[in-house]
N, C-alpha and C. Protein backbone atom coordinates (compact mmCIF):
# COMPACT_ATOMS: atom_id res chain seq x y z
N UNK A 1 -28.97 -6.10 17.10
CA UNK A 1 -28.31 -6.95 16.11
C UNK A 1 -29.09 -6.87 14.80
N UNK A 2 -28.38 -6.88 13.70
CA UNK A 2 -29.02 -6.83 12.39
C UNK A 2 -28.43 -7.91 11.49
N UNK A 3 -29.11 -8.17 10.39
CA UNK A 3 -28.66 -9.17 9.45
C UNK A 3 -28.92 -8.69 8.03
N UNK A 4 -28.12 -9.15 7.12
CA UNK A 4 -28.32 -8.82 5.70
C UNK A 4 -28.81 -10.02 4.90
N UNK A 5 -28.69 -11.22 5.48
CA UNK A 5 -29.09 -12.42 4.76
C UNK A 5 -30.10 -13.27 5.53
N UNK A 6 -30.52 -12.81 6.73
CA UNK A 6 -31.48 -13.56 7.51
C UNK A 6 -30.89 -14.71 8.30
N UNK A 7 -29.59 -14.92 8.21
CA UNK A 7 -28.94 -16.02 8.91
C UNK A 7 -27.81 -15.53 9.83
N UNK A 8 -26.97 -14.66 9.29
CA UNK A 8 -25.83 -14.16 10.06
C UNK A 8 -26.15 -12.80 10.65
N UNK A 9 -26.02 -12.68 11.96
CA UNK A 9 -26.34 -11.43 12.65
C UNK A 9 -25.06 -10.80 13.20
N UNK A 10 -25.05 -9.48 13.24
CA UNK A 10 -23.92 -8.79 13.84
C UNK A 10 -24.43 -7.55 14.56
N UNK A 11 -23.62 -7.07 15.49
CA UNK A 11 -23.99 -5.94 16.33
C UNK A 11 -23.69 -4.62 15.63
N UNK A 12 -24.66 -3.73 15.67
CA UNK A 12 -24.52 -2.40 15.05
C UNK A 12 -24.97 -1.34 16.06
N UNK A 13 -24.17 -0.30 16.20
CA UNK A 13 -24.58 0.83 17.03
C UNK A 13 -25.13 1.91 16.11
N UNK A 14 -26.34 2.39 16.41
CA UNK A 14 -26.98 3.44 15.61
C UNK A 14 -27.18 4.66 16.50
N UNK A 15 -26.53 5.75 16.13
CA UNK A 15 -26.64 6.99 16.89
C UNK A 15 -27.43 8.00 16.07
N UNK A 16 -28.48 8.55 16.66
CA UNK A 16 -29.35 9.50 15.95
C UNK A 16 -29.32 10.86 16.65
N UNK A 17 -29.21 11.90 15.84
CA UNK A 17 -29.22 13.27 16.37
C UNK A 17 -30.35 14.04 15.69
N UNK A 18 -31.33 14.45 16.47
CA UNK A 18 -32.48 15.19 15.94
C UNK A 18 -32.25 16.69 16.14
N UNK A 19 -32.51 17.45 15.10
CA UNK A 19 -32.29 18.90 15.20
C UNK A 19 -33.30 19.63 14.30
N UNK A 20 -33.42 20.92 14.50
CA UNK A 20 -34.33 21.74 13.69
C UNK A 20 -33.51 22.51 12.65
N UNK A 21 -33.93 22.37 11.37
CA UNK A 21 -33.25 23.05 10.26
C UNK A 21 -33.79 24.48 10.17
N UNK A 22 -32.89 25.45 10.35
CA UNK A 22 -33.31 26.84 10.48
C UNK A 22 -33.93 27.42 9.20
N UNK A 23 -33.50 26.97 8.03
CA UNK A 23 -33.98 27.55 6.78
C UNK A 23 -35.48 27.36 6.58
N UNK A 24 -35.98 26.20 6.90
CA UNK A 24 -37.42 25.97 6.71
C UNK A 24 -38.11 25.52 8.00
N UNK A 25 -37.38 25.57 9.10
CA UNK A 25 -37.92 25.22 10.42
C UNK A 25 -38.38 23.75 10.50
N UNK A 26 -37.83 22.91 9.63
CA UNK A 26 -38.19 21.49 9.63
C UNK A 26 -37.34 20.73 10.66
N UNK A 27 -37.86 19.62 11.09
CA UNK A 27 -37.14 18.76 12.02
C UNK A 27 -36.45 17.66 11.23
N UNK A 28 -35.15 17.54 11.42
CA UNK A 28 -34.38 16.56 10.67
C UNK A 28 -33.58 15.66 11.62
N UNK A 29 -33.04 14.62 11.06
CA UNK A 29 -32.29 13.67 11.88
C UNK A 29 -31.06 13.16 11.13
N UNK A 30 -29.94 13.20 11.81
CA UNK A 30 -28.71 12.61 11.29
C UNK A 30 -28.51 11.26 11.96
N UNK A 31 -28.21 10.25 11.18
CA UNK A 31 -28.02 8.91 11.71
C UNK A 31 -26.62 8.42 11.37
N UNK A 32 -25.93 7.93 12.40
CA UNK A 32 -24.58 7.40 12.22
C UNK A 32 -24.59 5.93 12.62
N UNK A 33 -24.21 5.06 11.68
CA UNK A 33 -24.20 3.62 11.95
C UNK A 33 -22.76 3.15 12.07
N UNK A 34 -22.52 2.32 13.09
CA UNK A 34 -21.17 1.84 13.33
C UNK A 34 -21.20 0.35 13.66
N UNK A 35 -20.42 -0.44 12.94
CA UNK A 35 -20.33 -1.87 13.21
C UNK A 35 -19.47 -2.08 14.46
N UNK A 36 -20.10 -2.60 15.53
CA UNK A 36 -19.37 -2.82 16.79
C UNK A 36 -19.41 -4.30 17.18
N UNK A 37 -19.51 -5.16 16.17
CA UNK A 37 -19.67 -6.59 16.43
C UNK A 37 -18.51 -7.16 17.25
N UNK A 38 -17.29 -6.86 16.86
CA UNK A 38 -16.13 -7.40 17.57
C UNK A 38 -16.09 -6.90 19.00
N UNK A 39 -16.34 -5.63 19.20
CA UNK A 39 -16.34 -5.03 20.54
C UNK A 39 -17.42 -5.65 21.42
N UNK A 40 -18.63 -5.78 20.85
CA UNK A 40 -19.75 -6.31 21.63
C UNK A 40 -19.54 -7.78 22.00
N UNK A 41 -19.05 -8.55 21.08
CA UNK A 41 -18.82 -9.96 21.37
C UNK A 41 -17.73 -10.13 22.43
N UNK A 42 -16.76 -9.23 22.42
CA UNK A 42 -15.73 -9.29 23.46
C UNK A 42 -16.34 -8.94 24.82
N UNK A 43 -17.21 -7.95 24.85
CA UNK A 43 -17.88 -7.57 26.10
C UNK A 43 -18.72 -8.73 26.63
N UNK A 44 -19.46 -9.38 25.75
CA UNK A 44 -20.29 -10.50 26.17
C UNK A 44 -19.44 -11.67 26.67
N UNK A 45 -18.31 -11.87 25.99
CA UNK A 45 -17.40 -12.94 26.42
C UNK A 45 -16.86 -12.66 27.82
N UNK A 46 -16.47 -11.41 28.06
CA UNK A 46 -15.94 -11.05 29.37
C UNK A 46 -17.00 -11.16 30.45
N UNK A 47 -18.24 -10.78 30.13
CA UNK A 47 -19.34 -10.91 31.09
C UNK A 47 -19.58 -12.37 31.43
N UNK A 48 -19.50 -13.22 30.40
CA UNK A 48 -19.69 -14.65 30.62
C UNK A 48 -18.58 -15.22 31.49
N UNK A 49 -17.33 -14.79 31.22
CA UNK A 49 -16.21 -15.29 32.00
C UNK A 49 -16.31 -14.89 33.46
N UNK A 50 -16.88 -13.72 33.72
CA UNK A 50 -17.04 -13.26 35.10
C UNK A 50 -18.01 -14.14 35.88
N UNK A 51 -18.87 -14.87 35.17
CA UNK A 51 -19.84 -15.74 35.83
C UNK A 51 -19.30 -17.15 36.05
N UNK A 52 -18.12 -17.45 35.50
CA UNK A 52 -17.61 -18.81 35.52
C UNK A 52 -16.62 -19.05 36.65
N UNK A 53 -16.66 -20.27 37.18
CA UNK A 53 -15.65 -20.72 38.11
C UNK A 53 -14.38 -21.01 37.32
N UNK A 54 -13.27 -20.45 37.75
CA UNK A 54 -12.05 -20.51 36.95
C UNK A 54 -11.51 -21.92 36.77
N UNK A 55 -11.75 -22.82 37.72
CA UNK A 55 -11.23 -24.18 37.62
C UNK A 55 -12.11 -25.08 36.78
N UNK A 56 -13.41 -25.05 37.05
CA UNK A 56 -14.32 -26.03 36.45
C UNK A 56 -15.09 -25.53 35.24
N UNK A 57 -15.11 -24.22 35.04
CA UNK A 57 -15.86 -23.58 33.95
C UNK A 57 -17.37 -23.66 34.15
N UNK A 58 -17.82 -24.09 35.32
CA UNK A 58 -19.24 -24.02 35.66
C UNK A 58 -19.54 -22.62 36.17
N UNK A 59 -20.81 -22.32 36.40
CA UNK A 59 -21.15 -21.04 37.01
C UNK A 59 -20.53 -20.96 38.41
N UNK A 60 -20.08 -19.76 38.79
CA UNK A 60 -19.59 -19.57 40.14
C UNK A 60 -20.78 -19.37 41.10
N UNK A 61 -20.48 -19.16 42.38
CA UNK A 61 -21.54 -19.10 43.38
C UNK A 61 -22.54 -17.97 43.11
N UNK A 62 -22.03 -16.77 42.84
CA UNK A 62 -22.92 -15.62 42.62
C UNK A 62 -23.78 -15.83 41.39
N UNK A 63 -23.17 -16.27 40.29
CA UNK A 63 -23.93 -16.48 39.06
C UNK A 63 -24.97 -17.58 39.24
N UNK A 64 -24.61 -18.64 39.97
CA UNK A 64 -25.56 -19.73 40.22
C UNK A 64 -26.79 -19.21 40.94
N UNK A 65 -26.58 -18.43 41.99
CA UNK A 65 -27.69 -17.88 42.75
C UNK A 65 -28.59 -17.01 41.87
N UNK A 66 -27.98 -16.17 41.06
CA UNK A 66 -28.75 -15.26 40.22
C UNK A 66 -29.56 -16.00 39.17
N UNK A 67 -28.97 -17.01 38.56
CA UNK A 67 -29.68 -17.77 37.53
C UNK A 67 -30.84 -18.57 38.13
N UNK A 68 -30.63 -19.11 39.33
CA UNK A 68 -31.72 -19.84 40.00
C UNK A 68 -32.86 -18.87 40.32
N UNK A 69 -32.52 -17.72 40.86
CA UNK A 69 -33.56 -16.73 41.20
C UNK A 69 -34.32 -16.29 39.96
N UNK A 70 -33.62 -16.12 38.87
CA UNK A 70 -34.28 -15.69 37.63
C UNK A 70 -35.25 -16.76 37.14
N UNK A 71 -34.84 -18.02 37.19
CA UNK A 71 -35.72 -19.10 36.76
C UNK A 71 -36.96 -19.20 37.64
N UNK A 72 -36.79 -19.00 38.95
CA UNK A 72 -37.94 -19.02 39.85
C UNK A 72 -38.92 -17.90 39.52
N UNK A 73 -38.40 -16.73 39.22
CA UNK A 73 -39.26 -15.59 38.88
C UNK A 73 -39.98 -15.81 37.56
N UNK A 74 -39.30 -16.40 36.60
CA UNK A 74 -39.88 -16.59 35.27
C UNK A 74 -40.83 -17.78 35.21
N UNK A 75 -40.75 -18.68 36.19
CA UNK A 75 -41.63 -19.85 36.22
C UNK A 75 -42.37 -19.98 37.53
N UNK A 76 -43.22 -19.03 37.87
CA UNK A 76 -43.89 -19.06 39.18
C UNK A 76 -44.74 -20.29 39.41
N UNK A 77 -45.29 -20.90 38.34
CA UNK A 77 -46.14 -22.07 38.50
C UNK A 77 -45.42 -23.36 38.09
N UNK A 78 -44.13 -23.26 37.81
CA UNK A 78 -43.35 -24.41 37.36
C UNK A 78 -42.77 -25.16 38.55
N UNK A 79 -42.72 -26.49 38.43
CA UNK A 79 -42.08 -27.32 39.46
C UNK A 79 -40.59 -27.42 39.14
N UNK A 80 -39.77 -27.19 40.15
CA UNK A 80 -38.32 -27.22 39.99
C UNK A 80 -37.69 -28.25 40.93
N UNK A 81 -36.53 -28.74 40.53
CA UNK A 81 -35.73 -29.62 41.39
C UNK A 81 -34.39 -28.94 41.64
N UNK A 82 -34.01 -28.91 42.90
CA UNK A 82 -32.77 -28.26 43.34
C UNK A 82 -31.88 -29.34 43.94
N UNK A 83 -30.70 -29.52 43.36
CA UNK A 83 -29.76 -30.56 43.80
C UNK A 83 -28.53 -29.91 44.44
N UNK A 84 -28.12 -30.38 45.60
CA UNK A 84 -26.81 -30.05 46.15
C UNK A 84 -25.98 -31.34 46.13
N UNK A 85 -24.79 -31.25 45.56
CA UNK A 85 -23.91 -32.41 45.44
C UNK A 85 -22.60 -32.15 46.17
N UNK A 86 -22.11 -33.19 46.81
CA UNK A 86 -20.87 -33.08 47.57
C UNK A 86 -20.04 -34.33 47.28
N UNK A 87 -18.73 -34.14 47.01
CA UNK A 87 -17.86 -35.28 46.73
C UNK A 87 -17.49 -35.95 48.06
N UNK A 88 -17.77 -37.24 48.15
CA UNK A 88 -17.50 -37.98 49.38
C UNK A 88 -15.99 -38.12 49.63
N UNK A 89 -15.58 -37.86 50.85
CA UNK A 89 -14.19 -38.01 51.27
C UNK A 89 -13.20 -37.27 50.38
N UNK A 90 -13.62 -36.10 49.91
CA UNK A 90 -12.74 -35.34 49.01
C UNK A 90 -11.45 -34.93 49.72
N UNK A 91 -11.54 -34.67 51.00
CA UNK A 91 -10.34 -34.29 51.76
C UNK A 91 -9.28 -35.38 51.69
N UNK A 92 -9.72 -36.63 51.62
CA UNK A 92 -8.78 -37.74 51.53
C UNK A 92 -7.97 -37.68 50.23
N UNK A 93 -8.62 -37.24 49.17
CA UNK A 93 -7.90 -37.10 47.88
C UNK A 93 -6.79 -36.08 48.02
N UNK A 94 -7.11 -34.93 48.57
CA UNK A 94 -6.09 -33.88 48.75
C UNK A 94 -4.98 -34.33 49.69
N UNK A 95 -5.36 -35.00 50.78
CA UNK A 95 -4.36 -35.40 51.76
C UNK A 95 -3.43 -36.49 51.23
N UNK A 96 -3.98 -37.44 50.50
CA UNK A 96 -3.18 -38.58 50.03
C UNK A 96 -2.45 -38.31 48.73
N UNK A 97 -3.11 -37.56 47.83
CA UNK A 97 -2.57 -37.42 46.48
C UNK A 97 -2.12 -36.01 46.14
N UNK A 98 -2.51 -35.03 46.98
CA UNK A 98 -2.10 -33.66 46.72
C UNK A 98 -3.20 -32.85 46.06
N UNK A 99 -3.03 -31.53 46.09
CA UNK A 99 -4.06 -30.63 45.59
C UNK A 99 -4.19 -30.67 44.07
N UNK A 100 -3.12 -30.99 43.37
CA UNK A 100 -3.21 -31.10 41.91
C UNK A 100 -4.15 -32.24 41.53
N UNK A 101 -4.04 -33.35 42.25
CA UNK A 101 -4.95 -34.48 42.01
C UNK A 101 -6.37 -34.09 42.39
N UNK A 102 -6.50 -33.32 43.48
CA UNK A 102 -7.82 -32.86 43.89
C UNK A 102 -8.46 -31.98 42.84
N UNK A 103 -7.67 -31.10 42.25
CA UNK A 103 -8.20 -30.23 41.19
C UNK A 103 -8.64 -31.06 39.98
N UNK A 104 -7.87 -32.09 39.66
CA UNK A 104 -8.24 -32.96 38.54
C UNK A 104 -9.57 -33.65 38.80
N UNK A 105 -9.76 -34.10 40.04
CA UNK A 105 -11.03 -34.73 40.41
C UNK A 105 -12.18 -33.74 40.25
N UNK A 106 -11.98 -32.51 40.70
CA UNK A 106 -13.02 -31.49 40.59
C UNK A 106 -13.38 -31.22 39.14
N UNK A 107 -12.37 -31.14 38.28
CA UNK A 107 -12.62 -30.87 36.86
C UNK A 107 -13.39 -32.02 36.22
N UNK A 108 -12.97 -33.25 36.50
CA UNK A 108 -13.64 -34.41 35.93
C UNK A 108 -15.06 -34.54 36.46
N UNK A 109 -15.21 -34.31 37.75
CA UNK A 109 -16.53 -34.36 38.39
C UNK A 109 -17.45 -33.32 37.74
N UNK A 110 -16.94 -32.12 37.54
CA UNK A 110 -17.74 -31.04 36.95
C UNK A 110 -18.16 -31.36 35.53
N UNK A 111 -17.23 -31.93 34.75
CA UNK A 111 -17.56 -32.30 33.38
C UNK A 111 -18.65 -33.34 33.31
N UNK A 112 -18.56 -34.33 34.19
CA UNK A 112 -19.60 -35.37 34.23
C UNK A 112 -20.93 -34.79 34.66
N UNK A 113 -20.88 -33.94 35.69
CA UNK A 113 -22.11 -33.31 36.19
C UNK A 113 -22.79 -32.47 35.11
N UNK A 114 -22.03 -31.62 34.44
CA UNK A 114 -22.60 -30.78 33.38
C UNK A 114 -23.17 -31.62 32.25
N UNK A 115 -22.53 -32.76 31.96
CA UNK A 115 -23.00 -33.61 30.88
C UNK A 115 -24.31 -34.32 31.16
N UNK A 116 -24.72 -34.33 32.41
CA UNK A 116 -25.96 -34.99 32.79
C UNK A 116 -27.19 -34.09 32.63
N UNK A 117 -26.95 -32.80 32.34
CA UNK A 117 -28.06 -31.86 32.25
C UNK A 117 -28.04 -31.14 30.90
N UNK A 118 -29.20 -30.69 30.48
CA UNK A 118 -29.32 -29.95 29.24
C UNK A 118 -28.99 -28.48 29.44
N UNK A 119 -29.08 -27.73 28.36
CA UNK A 119 -28.70 -26.32 28.37
C UNK A 119 -29.65 -25.46 29.20
N UNK A 120 -30.84 -25.96 29.51
CA UNK A 120 -31.80 -25.17 30.28
C UNK A 120 -31.59 -25.29 31.79
N UNK A 121 -30.68 -26.15 32.21
CA UNK A 121 -30.41 -26.33 33.64
C UNK A 121 -29.31 -25.37 34.08
N UNK A 122 -29.33 -25.03 35.35
CA UNK A 122 -28.26 -24.25 35.96
C UNK A 122 -27.35 -25.22 36.70
N UNK A 123 -26.07 -25.22 36.37
CA UNK A 123 -25.10 -26.09 37.03
C UNK A 123 -23.93 -25.23 37.50
N UNK A 124 -23.65 -25.24 38.79
CA UNK A 124 -22.60 -24.37 39.30
C UNK A 124 -21.81 -24.99 40.43
N UNK A 125 -20.63 -24.46 40.63
CA UNK A 125 -19.80 -24.82 41.78
C UNK A 125 -19.87 -23.67 42.76
N UNK A 126 -20.31 -23.95 43.98
CA UNK A 126 -20.53 -22.86 44.93
C UNK A 126 -19.45 -22.82 46.00
N UNK A 127 -18.45 -23.67 45.87
CA UNK A 127 -17.33 -23.63 46.80
C UNK A 127 -16.78 -24.99 47.09
N UNK A 128 -15.44 -25.11 47.15
CA UNK A 128 -14.81 -26.38 47.50
C UNK A 128 -15.28 -27.50 46.60
N UNK A 129 -15.82 -28.55 47.21
CA UNK A 129 -16.33 -29.69 46.45
C UNK A 129 -17.85 -29.74 46.48
N UNK A 130 -18.48 -28.58 46.61
CA UNK A 130 -19.93 -28.50 46.68
C UNK A 130 -20.48 -27.88 45.39
N UNK A 131 -21.49 -28.55 44.83
CA UNK A 131 -22.04 -28.14 43.55
C UNK A 131 -23.56 -28.06 43.65
N UNK A 132 -24.14 -27.30 42.72
CA UNK A 132 -25.59 -27.16 42.64
C UNK A 132 -26.04 -27.41 41.20
N UNK A 133 -27.16 -28.09 41.07
CA UNK A 133 -27.83 -28.23 39.78
C UNK A 133 -29.30 -27.88 40.00
N UNK A 134 -29.87 -27.17 39.04
CA UNK A 134 -31.25 -26.69 39.20
C UNK A 134 -31.93 -26.73 37.84
N UNK A 135 -33.13 -27.31 37.81
CA UNK A 135 -33.85 -27.43 36.55
C UNK A 135 -35.33 -27.62 36.81
N UNK A 136 -36.12 -27.37 35.77
CA UNK A 136 -37.56 -27.63 35.86
C UNK A 136 -37.79 -29.12 35.62
N UNK A 137 -38.78 -29.68 36.32
CA UNK A 137 -39.10 -31.10 36.20
C UNK A 137 -40.61 -31.27 36.07
N UNK A 138 -40.99 -32.44 35.58
CA UNK A 138 -42.42 -32.73 35.43
C UNK A 138 -43.01 -33.35 36.68
N UNK A 139 -42.15 -33.83 37.57
CA UNK A 139 -42.64 -34.45 38.80
C UNK A 139 -41.50 -35.05 39.59
N UNK A 140 -41.84 -35.67 40.72
CA UNK A 140 -40.84 -36.25 41.60
C UNK A 140 -40.06 -37.38 40.94
N UNK A 141 -40.74 -38.16 40.10
CA UNK A 141 -40.07 -39.29 39.45
C UNK A 141 -38.94 -38.81 38.55
N UNK A 142 -39.14 -37.71 37.87
CA UNK A 142 -38.09 -37.18 37.01
C UNK A 142 -36.88 -36.76 37.84
N UNK A 143 -37.14 -36.14 39.00
CA UNK A 143 -36.05 -35.74 39.88
C UNK A 143 -35.30 -36.96 40.41
N UNK A 144 -36.03 -38.02 40.77
CA UNK A 144 -35.40 -39.25 41.25
C UNK A 144 -34.55 -39.89 40.17
N UNK A 145 -35.04 -39.88 38.93
CA UNK A 145 -34.27 -40.45 37.82
C UNK A 145 -32.95 -39.70 37.64
N UNK A 146 -33.04 -38.36 37.68
CA UNK A 146 -31.83 -37.55 37.55
C UNK A 146 -30.85 -37.87 38.68
N UNK A 147 -31.36 -37.94 39.90
CA UNK A 147 -30.49 -38.19 41.05
C UNK A 147 -29.83 -39.56 40.96
N UNK A 148 -30.60 -40.56 40.58
CA UNK A 148 -30.04 -41.90 40.44
C UNK A 148 -28.98 -41.98 39.35
N UNK A 149 -29.25 -41.33 38.23
CA UNK A 149 -28.29 -41.31 37.14
C UNK A 149 -27.01 -40.58 37.56
N UNK A 150 -27.16 -39.51 38.33
CA UNK A 150 -25.99 -38.77 38.81
C UNK A 150 -25.12 -39.63 39.72
N UNK A 151 -25.75 -40.33 40.65
CA UNK A 151 -25.01 -41.20 41.56
C UNK A 151 -24.17 -42.20 40.77
N UNK A 152 -24.77 -42.81 39.75
CA UNK A 152 -24.05 -43.81 38.96
C UNK A 152 -22.96 -43.16 38.11
N UNK A 153 -23.29 -42.05 37.47
CA UNK A 153 -22.34 -41.42 36.55
C UNK A 153 -21.14 -40.82 37.26
N UNK A 154 -21.30 -40.38 38.49
CA UNK A 154 -20.23 -39.68 39.19
C UNK A 154 -19.29 -40.62 39.94
N UNK A 155 -19.61 -41.93 39.95
CA UNK A 155 -18.69 -42.88 40.56
C UNK A 155 -17.43 -42.97 39.72
N UNK A 156 -16.30 -42.87 40.38
CA UNK A 156 -15.03 -42.86 39.64
C UNK A 156 -13.93 -43.36 40.58
N UNK A 157 -12.75 -43.48 40.04
CA UNK A 157 -11.58 -43.87 40.84
C UNK A 157 -10.38 -43.06 40.36
N UNK A 158 -9.67 -42.46 41.29
CA UNK A 158 -8.52 -41.64 40.91
C UNK A 158 -7.35 -42.53 40.50
N UNK A 159 -6.34 -41.91 39.89
CA UNK A 159 -5.15 -42.65 39.50
C UNK A 159 -4.45 -43.25 40.72
N UNK A 160 -4.64 -42.63 41.88
CA UNK A 160 -4.05 -43.15 43.11
C UNK A 160 -4.90 -44.19 43.80
N UNK A 161 -6.01 -44.58 43.20
CA UNK A 161 -6.84 -45.64 43.74
C UNK A 161 -7.91 -45.20 44.72
N UNK A 162 -8.10 -43.90 44.89
CA UNK A 162 -9.13 -43.41 45.80
C UNK A 162 -10.48 -43.43 45.08
N UNK A 163 -11.48 -44.05 45.70
CA UNK A 163 -12.82 -44.11 45.09
C UNK A 163 -13.51 -42.75 45.21
N UNK A 164 -14.12 -42.33 44.13
CA UNK A 164 -14.86 -41.07 44.10
C UNK A 164 -16.34 -41.37 43.98
N UNK A 165 -17.11 -40.91 44.95
CA UNK A 165 -18.57 -41.02 44.88
C UNK A 165 -19.16 -39.67 45.30
N UNK A 166 -20.45 -39.55 45.17
CA UNK A 166 -21.12 -38.30 45.52
C UNK A 166 -22.32 -38.56 46.40
N UNK A 167 -22.60 -37.61 47.27
CA UNK A 167 -23.84 -37.60 48.03
C UNK A 167 -24.67 -36.42 47.54
N UNK A 168 -25.99 -36.61 47.48
CA UNK A 168 -26.85 -35.60 46.88
C UNK A 168 -28.07 -35.34 47.76
N UNK A 169 -28.36 -34.07 47.97
CA UNK A 169 -29.60 -33.67 48.61
C UNK A 169 -30.49 -33.00 47.58
N UNK A 170 -31.76 -33.35 47.56
CA UNK A 170 -32.68 -32.85 46.53
C UNK A 170 -33.94 -32.28 47.19
N UNK A 171 -34.41 -31.18 46.65
CA UNK A 171 -35.68 -30.62 47.10
C UNK A 171 -36.49 -30.20 45.89
N UNK A 172 -37.80 -30.42 45.97
CA UNK A 172 -38.73 -30.02 44.90
C UNK A 172 -39.59 -28.87 45.40
N UNK A 173 -39.86 -27.91 44.52
CA UNK A 173 -40.69 -26.78 44.92
C UNK A 173 -41.23 -26.08 43.68
N UNK A 174 -42.38 -25.44 43.85
CA UNK A 174 -42.98 -24.60 42.81
C UNK A 174 -42.37 -23.20 42.92
N UNK A 175 -42.10 -22.59 41.79
CA UNK A 175 -41.39 -21.33 41.75
C UNK A 175 -41.89 -20.25 42.69
N UNK A 176 -43.19 -20.00 42.68
CA UNK A 176 -43.74 -18.90 43.47
C UNK A 176 -43.81 -19.20 44.96
N UNK A 177 -43.54 -20.45 45.33
CA UNK A 177 -43.67 -20.84 46.73
C UNK A 177 -42.34 -20.95 47.45
N UNK A 178 -41.25 -20.52 46.80
CA UNK A 178 -39.95 -20.71 47.42
C UNK A 178 -38.98 -19.63 46.96
N UNK A 179 -37.74 -19.73 47.45
CA UNK A 179 -36.67 -18.85 47.02
C UNK A 179 -35.35 -19.61 47.14
N UNK A 180 -34.26 -19.01 46.69
CA UNK A 180 -32.98 -19.71 46.67
C UNK A 180 -32.57 -20.15 48.07
N UNK A 181 -32.70 -19.26 49.05
CA UNK A 181 -32.24 -19.56 50.40
C UNK A 181 -32.99 -20.75 50.99
N UNK A 182 -34.31 -20.80 50.76
CA UNK A 182 -35.11 -21.91 51.28
C UNK A 182 -34.72 -23.21 50.60
N UNK A 183 -34.56 -23.17 49.30
CA UNK A 183 -34.16 -24.37 48.56
C UNK A 183 -32.82 -24.89 49.06
N UNK A 184 -31.89 -23.96 49.22
CA UNK A 184 -30.55 -24.37 49.66
C UNK A 184 -30.61 -25.02 51.04
N UNK A 185 -31.34 -24.42 51.95
CA UNK A 185 -31.43 -24.94 53.32
C UNK A 185 -32.02 -26.34 53.35
N UNK A 186 -33.11 -26.54 52.60
CA UNK A 186 -33.76 -27.85 52.59
C UNK A 186 -32.89 -28.91 51.92
N UNK A 187 -32.29 -28.55 50.78
CA UNK A 187 -31.44 -29.50 50.07
C UNK A 187 -30.20 -29.83 50.88
N UNK A 188 -29.66 -28.85 51.59
CA UNK A 188 -28.48 -29.08 52.42
C UNK A 188 -28.81 -30.05 53.56
N UNK A 189 -30.01 -29.93 54.12
CA UNK A 189 -30.44 -30.84 55.18
C UNK A 189 -30.58 -32.26 54.62
N UNK A 190 -31.11 -32.38 53.39
CA UNK A 190 -31.23 -33.69 52.76
C UNK A 190 -29.84 -34.26 52.45
N UNK A 191 -28.91 -33.41 52.06
CA UNK A 191 -27.54 -33.85 51.81
C UNK A 191 -26.91 -34.40 53.10
N UNK A 192 -27.15 -33.70 54.20
CA UNK A 192 -26.65 -34.16 55.50
C UNK A 192 -27.19 -35.56 55.82
N UNK A 193 -28.47 -35.80 55.51
CA UNK A 193 -29.05 -37.12 55.74
C UNK A 193 -28.36 -38.18 54.88
N UNK A 194 -28.09 -37.83 53.61
CA UNK A 194 -27.43 -38.78 52.71
C UNK A 194 -26.04 -39.14 53.24
N UNK A 195 -25.33 -38.14 53.76
CA UNK A 195 -24.01 -38.39 54.33
C UNK A 195 -24.12 -39.32 55.55
N UNK A 196 -25.10 -39.03 56.39
CA UNK A 196 -25.27 -39.79 57.63
C UNK A 196 -25.70 -41.23 57.34
N UNK A 197 -26.39 -41.44 56.23
CA UNK A 197 -26.87 -42.78 55.89
C UNK A 197 -25.82 -43.63 55.18
N UNK A 198 -24.63 -43.07 54.96
CA UNK A 198 -23.55 -43.88 54.39
C UNK A 198 -22.93 -43.33 53.13
N UNK A 199 -23.39 -42.17 52.65
CA UNK A 199 -22.84 -41.51 51.45
C UNK A 199 -23.12 -42.34 50.19
N UNK A 200 -22.66 -41.81 49.05
CA UNK A 200 -22.87 -42.49 47.76
C UNK A 200 -24.35 -42.77 47.52
N UNK A 201 -25.18 -41.77 47.78
CA UNK A 201 -26.63 -41.92 47.63
C UNK A 201 -27.28 -40.54 47.58
N UNK A 202 -28.57 -40.53 47.28
CA UNK A 202 -29.31 -39.28 47.31
C UNK A 202 -30.47 -39.38 48.28
N UNK A 203 -30.86 -38.23 48.81
CA UNK A 203 -32.03 -38.13 49.68
C UNK A 203 -32.86 -36.97 49.19
N UNK A 204 -34.16 -37.19 49.02
CA UNK A 204 -35.06 -36.11 48.64
C UNK A 204 -35.73 -35.55 49.89
N UNK A 205 -35.68 -34.25 50.06
CA UNK A 205 -36.22 -33.61 51.25
C UNK A 205 -37.69 -33.95 51.40
N UNK A 206 -38.09 -34.29 52.63
CA UNK A 206 -39.48 -34.62 52.93
C UNK A 206 -40.23 -33.36 53.33
N UNK A 207 -41.55 -33.44 53.30
CA UNK A 207 -42.38 -32.28 53.65
C UNK A 207 -42.12 -31.81 55.06
N UNK A 208 -41.81 -32.75 56.00
CA UNK A 208 -41.61 -32.34 57.38
C UNK A 208 -40.24 -31.73 57.62
N UNK A 209 -39.44 -31.60 56.54
CA UNK A 209 -38.16 -30.91 56.64
C UNK A 209 -38.33 -29.40 56.48
N UNK A 210 -39.54 -28.95 56.28
CA UNK A 210 -39.82 -27.56 55.92
C UNK A 210 -39.20 -26.56 56.89
N UNK A 211 -39.29 -26.82 58.17
CA UNK A 211 -38.83 -25.85 59.14
C UNK A 211 -37.44 -26.17 59.71
N UNK A 212 -36.75 -27.09 59.05
CA UNK A 212 -35.43 -27.48 59.57
C UNK A 212 -34.33 -26.74 58.82
């Protein structure tokens, strides 16, 4: 990318051809510059769309996994919080109100969820009514604050009168000491505990959950 004013940047393709000039045996170079800003921005847009869930506009499952793995690699000594969220009794919404109402709940839920995190967090839908949020934290208290705020913010009621709440499983780990699969397994076990304890709550994975 290049700029002419230090503020506005655009994409330029520069093609160079090096050759030897026979008359004096000198080495010369021909340079061809081509403005490809529109083409490049379209490519980037399409790449971004391939990472998005078509309904909610959050990251899809594959993109979520890749972004989490990248953050773990880039922050080996950083503490991270991994959240798995599940909409309580979502099947009841579909059964009572229909799939169109269910889709509306998913979209609203996703918008609220994304609004609770900054641009540095990874927020994705990994299937059905299951979502993941992943971010760096300063400690357990910060993760608890996020989880508590999520529980409150995600409470809602559909037009048909069905209450919408969320259950959340949370796990904390240092980047170099874990991977996506381990985080998912531990957080999923904590989510199961939250469901078993009555839903509409969060559970943070305990140290003795390590091998479960």
